[in-house]
Structures are given as C-alpha cells and as structure tokens.
C-alpha cells in the first residue's frame, strides 16, 4: 500500500552534493485531502503538521510526521525546526528510517522536510541526503567512527542500550555546527524556502 498514491509530482535533483547515498534527493507534492482519505498514516502526518504549524511550542520527536510511503520506521530525529516555504510551512529535521535497530550513519542519514501549503491543498515531502562529520560512512559493524562520534552498540547484544545510543546521536547532531553538515543546513533550508506550489 505504501506505493499507492492519488497521483503526485516528484522532482529528482540532479547534481546534488551528497551522491551515492541510500536515498535519492527528491521532493514530492501530493494533493493533501485525496492522499489523507486513502491512508490513515497520511491523515495522521497531516494532522501532526497542522498541530506543529498552529503552535510555537517545542516540537517533540514523537509529534513529528512520518513518510507514509516508507516501509520502515523513523528511528530518531534531530535538528528539528519549523520552516516556511513561499506559500506554506512545515518542519525539517535529520533522521534515518529502518525496519530494525540500526546505527546512524552518513549513507542513510537524510534531511526530511514535510509541510502543507497555506490553503491546505498540497502536502510536500522533501528527502535530501546529508552527511555529518562525526558519523561513520555506513552501517557496517566495523565502520570507522570519527573521534568525538558515538560508537555503535553491538547488534548481537540483546541488552544493548539502543535508546541511549539514539539519544546520544541526537545530542551530537543537535550540537554540530550547521555549516559542518554537507550540504549545510542553511543550503537545504534555502532550497525548501524557495518552493512555490501552484495548481
């Protein structure tokens, strides 16, 4: 069901700075009401976006929208911030999705934006790969974690503290200078801010 939509626009970005990552840099635009009527998960994400845009309160990770067409779950969220585009608003954050507990790494990490046009007609999702200087390049067990990074828990250890690991990675990324990411957070924010959705 995650492959079914009411029809949408999908833009793939050529010449993107972070190449050969798990996710392709893409922006999706869906008719909000039609998509929400198809799937409860879409309805829930749009409901969360409306709650976020209607408040100035800090945004908790559990209140963030999810990507409805991913057959995986969001394992953490960092660098959460409200952001507006030319005719709408939403929220951006760094995240990774997986079907299991998984190490956070530069191959799978991406900048996620979700938003709604001001009239509520269109639902926008941006998936933009990003890398951080203190993360390992991939999720391999022996992958090199730079000094100052957070070592992966042992996947074979049933008592491994994955919750503590994700909390530590979230803190690490929240404290990373915005211009240390590649692309920088400002560059990706500017890309999102430039979006204009018209019928």
N, C-alpha and C. Protein backbone atom coordinates (compact mmCIF):
# COMPACT_ATOMS: atom_id res chain seq x y z
N UNK A 1 0.81 -1.23 0.00
CA UNK A 1 0.00 0.00 0.00
C UNK A 1 0.84 1.27 0.00
N UNK A 2 2.10 1.20 0.48
CA UNK A 2 2.91 2.40 0.53
C UNK A 2 3.32 2.89 -0.87
N UNK A 3 3.06 2.11 -1.89
CA UNK A 3 3.39 2.53 -3.25
C UNK A 3 2.20 3.17 -3.96
N UNK A 4 1.03 3.21 -3.31
CA UNK A 4 -0.17 3.74 -3.94
C UNK A 4 -0.38 5.19 -3.50
N UNK A 5 -0.64 6.07 -4.46
CA UNK A 5 -0.93 7.47 -4.16
C UNK A 5 -2.06 7.93 -5.07
N UNK A 6 -2.64 9.10 -4.80
CA UNK A 6 -3.69 9.62 -5.68
C UNK A 6 -3.11 10.31 -6.93
N UNK A 7 -1.82 10.14 -7.16
CA UNK A 7 -1.13 10.86 -8.22
C UNK A 7 -0.38 12.02 -7.59
N UNK A 8 0.83 12.29 -8.05
CA UNK A 8 1.64 13.33 -7.40
C UNK A 8 2.72 13.82 -8.34
N UNK A 9 3.37 14.90 -7.94
CA UNK A 9 4.54 15.41 -8.65
C UNK A 9 5.77 14.96 -7.87
N UNK A 10 6.77 14.47 -8.60
CA UNK A 10 8.01 14.01 -7.98
C UNK A 10 9.18 14.66 -8.72
N UNK A 11 9.97 15.43 -7.99
CA UNK A 11 11.12 16.12 -8.57
C UNK A 11 12.39 15.48 -8.03
N UNK A 12 13.26 15.01 -8.93
CA UNK A 12 14.56 14.47 -8.55
C UNK A 12 15.62 15.51 -8.85
N UNK A 13 16.51 15.76 -7.90
CA UNK A 13 17.51 16.81 -8.03
C UNK A 13 18.80 16.26 -8.64
N UNK A 14 19.18 16.79 -9.80
CA UNK A 14 20.42 16.37 -10.46
C UNK A 14 21.58 17.20 -9.94
N UNK A 15 22.78 16.63 -9.93
CA UNK A 15 23.97 17.35 -9.50
C UNK A 15 24.00 17.65 -8.02
N UNK A 16 23.28 16.86 -7.24
CA UNK A 16 23.19 17.08 -5.80
C UNK A 16 24.54 16.79 -5.13
N UNK A 17 24.86 17.52 -4.07
CA UNK A 17 26.18 17.41 -3.43
C UNK A 17 26.45 16.04 -2.82
N UNK A 18 25.49 15.44 -2.15
CA UNK A 18 25.68 14.14 -1.48
C UNK A 18 25.23 13.04 -2.43
N UNK A 19 26.16 12.49 -3.17
CA UNK A 19 25.85 11.47 -4.18
C UNK A 19 25.99 10.07 -3.59
N UNK A 20 25.37 9.11 -4.26
CA UNK A 20 25.51 7.68 -3.94
C UNK A 20 25.16 7.36 -2.49
N UNK A 21 24.08 7.94 -2.02
CA UNK A 21 23.57 7.61 -0.70
C UNK A 21 22.38 6.68 -0.85
N UNK A 22 21.85 6.17 0.25
CA UNK A 22 20.72 5.25 0.17
C UNK A 22 19.50 5.92 -0.45
N UNK A 23 19.27 7.19 -0.07
CA UNK A 23 18.12 7.92 -0.58
C UNK A 23 18.53 8.85 -1.72
N UNK A 24 17.66 8.97 -2.69
CA UNK A 24 17.86 9.93 -3.76
C UNK A 24 17.28 11.28 -3.31
N UNK A 25 17.92 12.39 -3.70
CA UNK A 25 17.37 13.70 -3.33
C UNK A 25 16.12 13.99 -4.15
N UNK A 26 14.97 14.05 -3.47
CA UNK A 26 13.70 14.20 -4.16
C UNK A 26 12.73 15.07 -3.37
N UNK A 27 11.83 15.70 -4.10
CA UNK A 27 10.75 16.46 -3.49
C UNK A 27 9.44 15.96 -4.09
N UNK A 28 8.48 15.67 -3.22
CA UNK A 28 7.18 15.14 -3.63
C UNK A 28 6.09 16.14 -3.27
N UNK A 29 5.10 16.27 -4.14
CA UNK A 29 3.95 17.12 -3.87
C UNK A 29 2.69 16.29 -4.13
N UNK A 30 1.86 16.14 -3.08
CA UNK A 30 0.65 15.33 -3.15
C UNK A 30 -0.59 16.20 -2.94
N UNK A 31 -1.71 15.86 -3.55
CA UNK A 31 -2.97 16.50 -3.16
C UNK A 31 -3.32 16.02 -1.76
N UNK A 32 -3.34 16.94 -0.80
CA UNK A 32 -3.41 16.56 0.62
C UNK A 32 -4.67 15.79 0.98
N UNK A 33 -5.82 16.31 0.63
CA UNK A 33 -7.06 15.67 1.06
C UNK A 33 -7.23 14.29 0.43
N UNK A 34 -6.94 14.18 -0.86
CA UNK A 34 -7.11 12.89 -1.54
C UNK A 34 -6.18 11.84 -0.96
N UNK A 35 -4.96 12.24 -0.64
CA UNK A 35 -3.99 11.30 -0.07
C UNK A 35 -4.39 10.91 1.35
N UNK A 36 -4.84 11.89 2.14
CA UNK A 36 -5.25 11.61 3.51
C UNK A 36 -6.45 10.67 3.55
N UNK A 37 -7.33 10.76 2.57
CA UNK A 37 -8.51 9.88 2.53
C UNK A 37 -8.13 8.44 2.18
N UNK A 38 -6.97 8.25 1.58
CA UNK A 38 -6.54 6.91 1.19
C UNK A 38 -5.92 6.12 2.34
N UNK A 39 -5.17 6.83 3.21
CA UNK A 39 -4.40 6.12 4.23
C UNK A 39 -4.44 6.84 5.57
N UNK A 40 -4.73 6.12 6.65
CA UNK A 40 -4.71 6.74 7.99
C UNK A 40 -3.35 7.34 8.34
N UNK A 41 -2.26 6.72 7.86
CA UNK A 41 -0.92 7.24 8.18
C UNK A 41 -0.70 8.62 7.58
N UNK A 42 -1.26 8.86 6.39
CA UNK A 42 -1.14 10.17 5.76
C UNK A 42 -2.00 11.18 6.54
N UNK A 43 -3.20 10.77 6.88
CA UNK A 43 -4.08 11.64 7.67
C UNK A 43 -3.38 12.05 8.96
N UNK A 44 -2.72 11.08 9.62
CA UNK A 44 -2.04 11.35 10.89
C UNK A 44 -0.88 12.33 10.69
N UNK A 45 -0.08 12.15 9.63
CA UNK A 45 1.05 13.05 9.39
C UNK A 45 0.56 14.46 9.10
N UNK A 46 -0.50 14.58 8.33
CA UNK A 46 -1.05 15.91 8.03
C UNK A 46 -1.62 16.55 9.30
N UNK A 47 -2.27 15.75 10.13
CA UNK A 47 -2.77 16.24 11.41
C UNK A 47 -1.62 16.76 12.28
N UNK A 48 -0.51 16.02 12.30
CA UNK A 48 0.65 16.46 13.07
C UNK A 48 1.23 17.76 12.53
N UNK A 49 1.26 17.89 11.20
CA UNK A 49 1.74 19.13 10.60
C UNK A 49 0.87 20.31 10.99
N UNK A 50 -0.43 20.11 10.99
CA UNK A 50 -1.34 21.18 11.39
C UNK A 50 -1.11 21.58 12.85
N UNK A 51 -0.87 20.59 13.71
CA UNK A 51 -0.59 20.89 15.12
C UNK A 51 0.71 21.68 15.27
N UNK A 52 1.73 21.28 14.49
CA UNK A 52 3.04 21.95 14.56
C UNK A 52 2.93 23.39 14.09
N UNK A 53 2.23 23.60 12.98
CA UNK A 53 2.15 24.96 12.43
C UNK A 53 1.25 25.86 13.27
N UNK A 54 0.38 25.27 14.09
CA UNK A 54 -0.54 26.06 14.90
C UNK A 54 -0.01 26.37 16.28
N UNK A 55 1.28 26.10 16.51
CA UNK A 55 1.84 26.31 17.84
C UNK A 55 3.28 26.78 17.74
N UNK A 56 3.75 27.46 18.78
CA UNK A 56 5.16 27.85 18.87
C UNK A 56 5.91 27.00 19.88
N UNK A 57 5.24 26.00 20.43
CA UNK A 57 5.85 25.15 21.45
C UNK A 57 6.96 24.29 20.83
N UNK A 58 7.94 23.90 21.64
CA UNK A 58 8.97 22.99 21.12
C UNK A 58 8.33 21.72 20.55
N UNK A 59 8.94 21.18 19.51
CA UNK A 59 8.39 20.00 18.83
C UNK A 59 9.09 18.75 19.34
N UNK A 60 8.34 17.84 19.91
CA UNK A 60 8.90 16.58 20.39
C UNK A 60 9.01 15.59 19.23
N UNK A 61 10.03 14.74 19.23
CA UNK A 61 10.19 13.78 18.13
C UNK A 61 8.95 12.92 17.90
N UNK A 62 8.23 12.59 18.97
CA UNK A 62 7.05 11.74 18.81
C UNK A 62 5.89 12.47 18.15
N UNK A 63 5.99 13.79 18.01
CA UNK A 63 4.94 14.57 17.36
C UNK A 63 5.23 14.87 15.89
N UNK A 64 6.35 14.37 15.39
CA UNK A 64 6.74 14.64 14.01
C UNK A 64 5.96 13.78 13.02
N UNK A 65 5.76 14.30 11.81
CA UNK A 65 5.14 13.48 10.77
C UNK A 65 6.12 12.44 10.25
N UNK A 66 5.58 11.37 9.69
CA UNK A 66 6.39 10.30 9.11
C UNK A 66 6.16 10.24 7.60
N UNK A 67 7.10 9.64 6.90
CA UNK A 67 6.94 9.49 5.46
C UNK A 67 6.05 8.28 5.21
N UNK A 68 4.86 8.49 4.66
CA UNK A 68 3.89 7.39 4.56
C UNK A 68 4.25 6.31 3.56
N UNK A 69 5.11 6.61 2.60
CA UNK A 69 5.43 5.61 1.59
C UNK A 69 6.74 4.87 1.88
N UNK A 70 7.29 5.04 3.08
CA UNK A 70 8.44 4.25 3.50
C UNK A 70 7.95 3.03 4.27
N UNK A 71 8.41 1.87 3.89
CA UNK A 71 8.08 0.64 4.61
C UNK A 71 9.10 0.43 5.73
N UNK A 72 9.21 1.43 6.59
CA UNK A 72 10.18 1.42 7.68
C UNK A 72 9.79 2.50 8.67
N UNK A 73 10.41 2.48 9.84
CA UNK A 73 10.09 3.44 10.88
C UNK A 73 11.21 4.43 11.10
N UNK A 74 10.86 5.60 11.61
CA UNK A 74 11.80 6.66 11.91
C UNK A 74 12.50 6.31 13.23
N UNK A 75 13.82 6.18 13.22
CA UNK A 75 14.49 5.69 14.42
C UNK A 75 15.00 6.81 15.35
N UNK A 76 15.12 8.02 14.85
CA UNK A 76 15.48 9.15 15.70
C UNK A 76 15.20 10.43 14.91
N UNK A 77 15.26 11.57 15.56
CA UNK A 77 15.10 12.86 14.89
C UNK A 77 15.92 13.90 15.63
N UNK A 78 16.69 14.69 14.87
CA UNK A 78 17.50 15.76 15.46
C UNK A 78 17.33 17.03 14.64
N UNK A 79 17.86 18.13 15.15
CA UNK A 79 17.87 19.40 14.42
C UNK A 79 16.47 19.79 13.94
N UNK A 80 15.50 19.63 14.82
CA UNK A 80 14.10 19.89 14.49
C UNK A 80 13.85 21.40 14.46
N UNK A 81 13.24 21.86 13.37
CA UNK A 81 12.96 23.29 13.27
C UNK A 81 11.79 23.54 12.32
N UNK A 82 10.91 24.44 12.71
CA UNK A 82 9.86 24.89 11.80
C UNK A 82 10.49 25.68 10.67
N UNK A 83 9.92 25.56 9.48
CA UNK A 83 10.45 26.29 8.34
C UNK A 83 9.30 26.58 7.38
N UNK A 84 9.34 27.74 6.76
CA UNK A 84 8.30 28.14 5.81
C UNK A 84 8.85 28.10 4.39
N UNK A 85 7.97 27.77 3.43
CA UNK A 85 8.31 27.95 2.02
C UNK A 85 7.42 29.05 1.48
N UNK A 86 7.48 29.31 0.18
CA UNK A 86 6.85 30.53 -0.34
C UNK A 86 5.35 30.60 -0.07
N UNK A 87 4.67 29.47 -0.11
CA UNK A 87 3.23 29.52 0.18
C UNK A 87 2.80 28.40 1.11
N UNK A 88 3.62 28.20 2.14
CA UNK A 88 3.26 27.19 3.13
C UNK A 88 4.29 27.09 4.22
N UNK A 89 4.11 26.11 5.09
CA UNK A 89 5.06 25.91 6.17
C UNK A 89 5.06 24.46 6.61
N UNK A 90 6.09 24.12 7.39
CA UNK A 90 6.20 22.75 7.87
C UNK A 90 7.35 22.62 8.85
N UNK A 91 7.98 21.46 8.84
CA UNK A 91 9.04 21.17 9.79
C UNK A 91 10.14 20.38 9.09
N UNK A 92 11.37 20.70 9.45
CA UNK A 92 12.50 19.93 8.94
C UNK A 92 13.27 19.31 10.09
N UNK A 93 13.92 18.19 9.83
CA UNK A 93 14.74 17.52 10.83
C UNK A 93 15.62 16.49 10.13
N UNK A 94 16.64 16.04 10.84
CA UNK A 94 17.51 14.99 10.32
C UNK A 94 17.06 13.67 10.92
N UNK A 95 17.08 12.63 10.10
CA UNK A 95 16.54 11.35 10.56
C UNK A 95 17.10 10.20 9.74
N UNK A 96 16.70 9.03 10.15
CA UNK A 96 17.03 7.80 9.43
C UNK A 96 15.88 6.84 9.67
N UNK A 97 15.53 6.07 8.66
CA UNK A 97 14.46 5.09 8.79
C UNK A 97 15.05 3.69 8.69
N UNK A 98 14.45 2.75 9.41
CA UNK A 98 14.91 1.37 9.35
C UNK A 98 13.78 0.44 9.79
N UNK A 99 13.94 -0.82 9.49
CA UNK A 99 12.98 -1.85 9.91
C UNK A 99 13.46 -2.55 11.17
N UNK A 100 14.54 -2.07 11.75
CA UNK A 100 15.16 -2.71 12.91
C UNK A 100 16.02 -1.65 13.59
N UNK A 101 16.57 -1.97 14.76
CA UNK A 101 17.51 -1.04 15.37
C UNK A 101 18.74 -0.97 14.46
N UNK A 102 19.15 0.23 14.11
CA UNK A 102 20.22 0.39 13.13
C UNK A 102 21.13 1.54 13.53
N UNK A 103 22.41 1.43 13.22
CA UNK A 103 23.33 2.53 13.51
C UNK A 103 23.03 3.74 12.64
N UNK A 104 23.23 4.91 13.18
CA UNK A 104 23.07 6.15 12.42
C UNK A 104 24.37 6.40 11.66
N UNK A 105 24.27 6.65 10.37
CA UNK A 105 25.46 6.75 9.53
C UNK A 105 25.20 7.67 8.34
N UNK A 106 26.27 8.05 7.66
CA UNK A 106 26.16 9.02 6.57
C UNK A 106 25.57 8.46 5.28
N UNK A 107 25.51 7.17 5.15
CA UNK A 107 24.89 6.61 3.96
C UNK A 107 23.36 6.71 4.03
N UNK A 108 22.81 6.59 5.24
CA UNK A 108 21.36 6.52 5.42
C UNK A 108 20.74 7.80 5.97
N UNK A 109 21.55 8.69 6.53
CA UNK A 109 21.05 9.93 7.12
C UNK A 109 20.46 10.83 6.04
N UNK A 110 19.35 11.50 6.37
CA UNK A 110 18.83 12.50 5.43
C UNK A 110 18.07 13.61 6.16
N UNK A 111 17.96 14.71 5.46
CA UNK A 111 17.19 15.89 5.89
C UNK A 111 15.78 15.66 5.39
N UNK A 112 14.85 15.63 6.30
CA UNK A 112 13.44 15.43 5.93
C UNK A 112 12.67 16.72 6.18
N UNK A 113 11.94 17.16 5.17
CA UNK A 113 11.00 18.26 5.34
C UNK A 113 9.62 17.76 4.99
N UNK A 114 8.65 18.14 5.83
CA UNK A 114 7.25 17.91 5.48
C UNK A 114 6.49 19.20 5.75
N UNK A 115 5.61 19.54 4.84
CA UNK A 115 4.84 20.77 5.01
C UNK A 115 3.55 20.76 4.23
N UNK A 116 2.76 21.78 4.47
CA UNK A 116 1.48 21.96 3.79
C UNK A 116 1.41 23.37 3.22
N UNK A 117 0.80 23.51 2.06
CA UNK A 117 0.55 24.85 1.56
C UNK A 117 -0.42 25.56 2.50
N UNK A 118 -0.41 26.86 2.46
CA UNK A 118 -1.22 27.66 3.39
C UNK A 118 -2.71 27.37 3.27
N UNK A 119 -3.15 26.97 2.07
CA UNK A 119 -4.56 26.64 1.88
C UNK A 119 -4.88 25.18 2.20
N UNK A 120 -3.86 24.41 2.61
CA UNK A 120 -4.06 23.02 2.97
C UNK A 120 -4.25 22.09 1.79
N UNK A 121 -4.09 22.59 0.58
CA UNK A 121 -4.37 21.78 -0.60
C UNK A 121 -3.27 20.80 -0.96
N UNK A 122 -2.02 21.15 -0.65
CA UNK A 122 -0.90 20.31 -1.07
C UNK A 122 -0.01 19.94 0.11
N UNK A 123 0.46 18.71 0.05
CA UNK A 123 1.30 18.09 1.07
C UNK A 123 2.67 17.87 0.44
N UNK A 124 3.70 18.46 1.04
CA UNK A 124 5.04 18.45 0.46
C UNK A 124 5.98 17.61 1.33
N UNK A 125 6.74 16.76 0.68
CA UNK A 125 7.76 15.97 1.37
C UNK A 125 9.07 16.11 0.61
N UNK A 126 10.14 16.52 1.32
CA UNK A 126 11.47 16.58 0.73
C UNK A 126 12.36 15.57 1.44
N UNK A 127 13.09 14.80 0.65
CA UNK A 127 14.04 13.81 1.16
C UNK A 127 15.40 14.18 0.59
N UNK A 128 16.29 14.69 1.43
CA UNK A 128 17.54 15.25 0.96
C UNK A 128 18.71 14.66 1.75
N UNK A 129 19.51 13.79 1.13
CA UNK A 129 20.65 13.20 1.85
C UNK A 129 21.58 14.28 2.41
N UNK A 130 22.16 13.98 3.56
CA UNK A 130 23.07 14.91 4.23
C UNK A 130 24.10 14.09 4.99
N UNK A 131 25.29 14.62 5.15
CA UNK A 131 26.31 13.92 5.92
C UNK A 131 26.77 14.80 7.08
N UNK A 132 27.21 14.13 8.15
CA UNK A 132 27.69 14.82 9.35
C UNK A 132 29.12 14.38 9.62
N UNK A 133 29.98 15.28 10.07
CA UNK A 133 31.41 14.95 10.21
C UNK A 133 31.75 13.89 11.23
N UNK A 134 30.90 13.67 12.24
CA UNK A 134 31.25 12.73 13.30
C UNK A 134 30.49 11.40 13.20
N UNK A 135 29.87 11.14 12.05
CA UNK A 135 29.21 9.86 11.83
C UNK A 135 30.07 8.96 10.96
N UNK A 136 29.91 7.65 11.15
CA UNK A 136 30.57 6.69 10.26
C UNK A 136 29.96 6.79 8.87
N UNK A 137 30.68 6.35 7.86
CA UNK A 137 30.20 6.47 6.49
C UNK A 137 29.08 5.49 6.16
N UNK A 138 29.03 4.35 6.86
CA UNK A 138 27.96 3.39 6.60
C UNK A 138 27.64 2.63 7.88
N UNK A 139 26.71 1.69 7.79
CA UNK A 139 26.22 0.98 8.97
C UNK A 139 26.98 -0.32 9.26
N UNK A 140 28.05 -0.58 8.53
CA UNK A 140 28.81 -1.81 8.76
C UNK A 140 29.32 -1.86 10.19
N UNK A 141 29.34 -3.06 10.75
CA UNK A 141 29.76 -3.22 12.15
C UNK A 141 31.17 -2.67 12.40
N UNK A 142 32.06 -2.80 11.43
CA UNK A 142 33.43 -2.34 11.61
C UNK A 142 33.69 -0.96 11.07
N UNK A 143 32.63 -0.22 10.73
CA UNK A 143 32.81 1.11 10.14
C UNK A 143 33.50 2.04 11.13
N UNK A 144 34.41 2.85 10.59
CA UNK A 144 35.17 3.79 11.42
C UNK A 144 34.28 4.93 11.89
N UNK A 145 34.23 5.12 13.20
CA UNK A 145 33.50 6.25 13.79
C UNK A 145 34.53 7.30 14.18
N UNK A 146 34.46 8.51 13.62
CA UNK A 146 35.46 9.54 13.93
C UNK A 146 35.50 9.86 15.42
N UNK A 147 36.66 10.36 15.86
CA UNK A 147 36.81 10.77 17.26
C UNK A 147 35.76 11.82 17.59
N UNK A 148 35.09 11.62 18.71
CA UNK A 148 34.01 12.51 19.11
C UNK A 148 32.65 12.00 18.71
N UNK A 149 32.63 10.95 17.86
CA UNK A 149 31.37 10.34 17.45
C UNK A 149 30.87 9.36 18.50
N UNK A 150 29.76 8.70 18.20
CA UNK A 150 29.15 7.75 19.13
C UNK A 150 29.30 6.36 18.56
N UNK A 151 29.97 5.48 19.29
CA UNK A 151 30.19 4.11 18.82
C UNK A 151 28.87 3.36 18.72
N UNK A 152 28.78 2.48 17.72
CA UNK A 152 27.59 1.65 17.56
C UNK A 152 27.47 0.65 18.70
N UNK A 153 26.27 0.41 19.20
CA UNK A 153 26.07 -0.72 20.12
C UNK A 153 26.30 -2.03 19.36
N UNK A 154 26.53 -3.07 20.09
CA UNK A 154 26.71 -4.40 19.49
C UNK A 154 25.33 -4.93 19.08
N UNK A 155 25.12 -5.09 17.79
CA UNK A 155 23.82 -5.56 17.31
C UNK A 155 23.48 -6.94 17.85
N UNK A 156 24.50 -7.75 18.14
CA UNK A 156 24.27 -9.11 18.65
C UNK A 156 23.93 -9.13 20.14
N UNK A 157 24.11 -8.00 20.82
CA UNK A 157 23.86 -7.93 22.26
C UNK A 157 22.39 -7.58 22.50
N UNK A 158 21.64 -8.54 23.03
CA UNK A 158 20.21 -8.30 23.25
C UNK A 158 19.97 -7.24 24.32
N UNK A 159 20.98 -6.94 25.12
CA UNK A 159 20.84 -5.94 26.17
C UNK A 159 21.46 -4.59 25.78
N UNK A 160 21.83 -4.44 24.51
CA UNK A 160 22.44 -3.19 24.06
C UNK A 160 21.49 -2.02 24.29
N UNK A 161 22.04 -0.89 24.69
CA UNK A 161 21.23 0.28 25.01
C UNK A 161 21.03 1.14 23.76
N UNK A 162 20.11 0.72 22.90
CA UNK A 162 19.86 1.47 21.66
C UNK A 162 19.17 2.80 21.94
N UNK A 163 18.32 2.84 22.95
CA UNK A 163 17.66 4.10 23.29
C UNK A 163 18.70 5.14 23.71
N UNK A 164 19.66 4.71 24.53
CA UNK A 164 20.73 5.61 24.95
C UNK A 164 21.60 6.03 23.78
N UNK A 165 21.83 5.09 22.86
CA UNK A 165 22.63 5.40 21.67
C UNK A 165 21.95 6.46 20.82
N UNK A 166 20.66 6.28 20.53
CA UNK A 166 19.94 7.26 19.71
C UNK A 166 19.87 8.62 20.40
N UNK A 167 19.74 8.62 21.71
CA UNK A 167 19.73 9.88 22.46
C UNK A 167 21.07 10.58 22.32
N UNK A 168 22.16 9.82 22.41
CA UNK A 168 23.50 10.40 22.30
C UNK A 168 23.75 10.94 20.89
N UNK A 169 23.30 10.22 19.86
CA UNK A 169 23.47 10.68 18.48
C UNK A 169 22.64 11.94 18.24
N UNK A 170 21.43 11.97 18.78
CA UNK A 170 20.58 13.16 18.64
C UNK A 170 21.27 14.38 19.24
N UNK A 171 21.82 14.22 20.44
CA UNK A 171 22.54 15.32 21.09
C UNK A 171 23.75 15.74 20.26
N UNK A 172 24.49 14.76 19.74
CA UNK A 172 25.67 15.05 18.92
C UNK A 172 25.29 15.89 17.70
N UNK A 173 24.25 15.47 16.98
CA UNK A 173 23.86 16.19 15.77
C UNK A 173 23.25 17.55 16.09
N UNK A 174 22.50 17.63 17.18
CA UNK A 174 21.94 18.92 17.59
C UNK A 174 23.05 19.93 17.91
N UNK A 175 24.19 19.42 18.39
CA UNK A 175 25.30 20.29 18.78
C UNK A 175 26.33 20.49 17.67
N UNK A 176 26.12 19.87 16.53
CA UNK A 176 27.02 20.04 15.39
C UNK A 176 26.74 21.38 14.71
N UNK A 177 27.77 22.10 14.38
CA UNK A 177 27.60 23.40 13.72
C UNK A 177 26.82 23.22 12.41
N UNK A 178 25.83 24.06 12.15
CA UNK A 178 25.01 23.91 10.94
C UNK A 178 25.80 23.87 9.65
N UNK A 179 26.94 24.59 9.60
CA UNK A 179 27.73 24.61 8.37
C UNK A 179 28.73 23.46 8.28
N UNK A 180 28.72 22.57 9.30
CA UNK A 180 29.60 21.39 9.26
C UNK A 180 28.97 20.24 8.49
N UNK A 181 27.66 20.30 8.29
CA UNK A 181 26.98 19.27 7.51
C UNK A 181 27.25 19.51 6.02
N UNK A 182 27.10 18.45 5.25
CA UNK A 182 27.25 18.58 3.80
C UNK A 182 26.09 17.87 3.10
N UNK A 183 25.26 18.64 2.37
CA UNK A 183 25.20 20.09 2.26
C UNK A 183 24.93 20.71 3.64
N UNK A 184 25.15 22.00 3.77
CA UNK A 184 24.91 22.66 5.05
C UNK A 184 23.40 22.76 5.31
N UNK A 185 23.04 22.90 6.57
CA UNK A 185 21.63 23.06 6.90
C UNK A 185 21.06 24.32 6.24
N UNK A 186 21.85 25.38 6.18
CA UNK A 186 21.37 26.62 5.55
C UNK A 186 21.07 26.40 4.08
N UNK A 187 21.90 25.64 3.38
CA UNK A 187 21.67 25.38 1.96
C UNK A 187 20.36 24.63 1.75
N UNK A 188 20.13 23.61 2.57
CA UNK A 188 18.91 22.82 2.42
C UNK A 188 17.69 23.62 2.86
N UNK A 189 17.84 24.41 3.92
CA UNK A 189 16.73 25.27 4.33
C UNK A 189 16.36 26.25 3.20
N UNK A 190 17.36 26.82 2.56
CA UNK A 190 17.10 27.77 1.47
C UNK A 190 16.41 27.09 0.30
N UNK A 191 16.79 25.85 0.03
CA UNK A 191 16.13 25.10 -1.04
C UNK A 191 14.65 24.93 -0.71
N UNK A 192 14.35 24.51 0.50
CA UNK A 192 12.96 24.33 0.90
C UNK A 192 12.21 25.66 0.88
N UNK A 193 12.82 26.69 1.40
CA UNK A 193 12.19 28.01 1.44
C UNK A 193 11.85 28.54 0.05
N UNK A 194 12.55 28.06 -0.97
CA UNK A 194 12.31 28.54 -2.33
C UNK A 194 11.12 27.87 -3.00
N UNK A 195 10.56 26.82 -2.39
CA UNK A 195 9.48 26.07 -3.01
C UNK A 195 8.22 26.93 -3.13
N UNK A 196 7.62 26.87 -4.28
CA UNK A 196 6.33 27.53 -4.52
C UNK A 196 5.43 26.51 -5.22
N UNK A 197 4.31 26.16 -4.59
CA UNK A 197 3.38 25.18 -5.14
C UNK A 197 2.19 25.92 -5.75
N UNK A 198 1.95 25.69 -7.03
CA UNK A 198 0.78 26.30 -7.68
C UNK A 198 -0.04 25.21 -8.36
N UNK A 199 -1.35 25.39 -8.49
CA UNK A 199 -2.20 24.36 -9.12
C UNK A 199 -1.78 24.12 -10.58
